């Protein structure tokens, strides 16, 4: 498992607001690594296994961008959002209840 230190670089018009929101969300998540977040106006592309660059799109909101970034961090194994997911037993209980009510087959 990767346990090193990593960096997220965010560029774009609302990079500061996005970085602040990302820091808050990362504090709530189980992380496999130390992640630092930087907001910059422009950056030369960095090829590294320890750096993830995200350039905000013209219509990205900070909240939308943060979710996209977190998804990518999970794909890379740097963060884990599964901490709040249901266990297989909980899913089976919910499915049984929905079947009993006739909502699912």
Protein backbone atom coordinates (compact mmCIF):
# COMPACT_ATOMS: atom_id res chain seq x y z
CA UNK A 1 0.00 0.00 0.00
CA UNK A 2 1.22 3.47 -0.88
CA UNK A 3 1.88 5.46 2.30
CA UNK A 4 4.04 8.32 1.02
CA UNK A 5 3.39 12.03 0.80
CA UNK A 6 1.49 13.39 -2.19
CA UNK A 7 0.48 16.76 -3.58
CA UNK A 8 -2.65 18.06 -5.29
CA UNK A 9 -2.17 21.18 -7.41
CA UNK A 10 -5.31 23.08 -8.40
CA UNK A 11 -5.24 25.76 -11.09
CA UNK A 12 -7.95 28.09 -12.32
CA UNK A 13 -10.03 31.11 -11.37
CA UNK A 14 -11.50 29.63 -8.18
CA UNK A 15 -8.50 27.54 -7.19
CA UNK A 16 -8.25 29.08 -3.70
CA UNK A 17 -11.88 28.33 -2.81
CA UNK A 18 -11.61 24.83 -4.27
CA UNK A 19 -8.39 24.12 -2.35
CA UNK A 20 -9.97 25.29 0.93
CA UNK A 21 -13.00 23.04 0.39
CA UNK A 22 -10.78 20.09 -0.61
CA UNK A 23 -8.73 20.48 2.57
CA UNK A 24 -11.95 20.31 4.63
CA UNK A 25 -13.16 17.19 2.80
CA UNK A 26 -9.79 15.46 3.09
CA UNK A 27 -9.89 15.99 6.86
CA UNK A 28 -13.12 13.94 6.90
CA UNK A 29 -11.80 11.07 4.78
CA UNK A 30 -9.65 8.08 5.53
CA UNK A 31 -6.40 8.78 3.72
CA UNK A 32 -3.70 6.27 2.90
CA UNK A 33 -1.12 9.02 2.43
CA UNK A 34 -0.27 12.54 3.48
CA UNK A 35 -1.85 14.89 0.94
CA UNK A 36 -0.99 18.57 0.65
CA UNK A 37 -3.19 20.87 -1.42
CA UNK A 38 -1.89 23.87 -3.35
CA UNK A 39 -3.83 26.48 -5.32
CA UNK A 40 -1.83 28.22 -8.01
CA UNK A 41 -2.62 30.55 -10.88
CA UNK A 42 -0.62 28.56 -13.42
CA UNK A 43 1.75 25.62 -13.27
CA UNK A 44 4.03 23.82 -15.64
CA UNK A 45 2.83 20.26 -16.09
CA UNK A 46 4.57 17.94 -13.64
CA UNK A 47 4.95 14.26 -14.44
CA UNK A 48 5.12 12.49 -11.11
CA UNK A 49 3.49 9.58 -9.32
CA UNK A 50 3.17 11.78 -6.24
CA UNK A 51 1.51 14.83 -7.82
CA UNK A 52 -2.04 15.20 -9.14
CA UNK A 53 -2.83 18.34 -11.11
CA UNK A 54 -6.40 19.54 -11.58
CA UNK A 55 -7.29 22.46 -13.82
CA UNK A 56 -10.71 23.92 -13.09
CA UNK A 57 -13.09 24.00 -16.02
CA UNK A 58 -14.96 27.15 -17.00
CA UNK A 59 -18.17 25.91 -15.38
CA UNK A 60 -16.74 24.01 -12.40
CA UNK A 61 -17.93 25.02 -8.96
CA UNK A 62 -15.64 24.36 -6.00
CA UNK A 63 -17.95 21.58 -4.73
CA UNK A 64 -18.13 19.84 -8.11
CA UNK A 65 -14.37 20.10 -8.62
CA UNK A 66 -13.67 18.71 -5.14
CA UNK A 67 -15.80 15.64 -5.81
CA UNK A 68 -13.98 15.05 -9.10
CA UNK A 69 -10.61 15.43 -7.36
CA UNK A 70 -11.60 13.08 -4.54
CA UNK A 71 -12.76 10.49 -7.06
CA UNK A 72 -9.34 10.63 -8.71
CA UNK A 73 -7.55 10.40 -5.36
CA UNK A 74 -9.56 7.25 -4.60
CA UNK A 75 -8.66 5.74 -7.97
CA UNK A 76 -5.00 6.39 -7.19
CA UNK A 77 -5.39 4.80 -3.74
CA UNK A 78 -4.55 8.03 -1.92
CA UNK A 79 -7.94 8.38 -0.20
CA UNK A 80 -10.88 6.17 0.69
CA UNK A 81 -14.53 7.22 0.66
CA UNK A 82 -15.78 3.72 1.53
CA UNK A 83 -15.75 4.49 5.26
CA UNK A 84 -19.40 5.54 5.05
CA UNK A 85 -20.55 2.76 2.73
CA UNK A 86 -22.97 0.10 3.90
CA UNK A 87 -21.75 -3.34 4.86
CA UNK A 88 -23.00 -6.32 2.80
CA UNK A 89 -25.24 -7.29 5.73
CA UNK A 90 -26.80 -3.80 5.84
CA UNK A 91 -27.37 -3.89 2.09
CA UNK A 92 -29.06 -7.30 2.39
CA UNK A 93 -31.34 -6.00 5.17
CA UNK A 94 -32.37 -2.98 3.10
CA UNK A 95 -32.98 -5.15 0.04
CA UNK A 96 -35.14 -7.54 2.10
CA UNK A 97 -37.18 -4.62 3.43
CA UNK A 98 -37.67 -3.20 -0.07
CA UNK A 99 -38.69 -6.63 -1.37
CA UNK A 100 -41.18 -6.94 1.47
CA UNK A 101 -42.70 -3.62 0.46
CA UNK A 102 -42.81 -4.67 -3.20
CA UNK A 103 -40.29 -2.10 -4.46
CA UNK A 104 -37.77 -4.63 -5.80
CA UNK A 105 -38.07 -8.20 -7.04
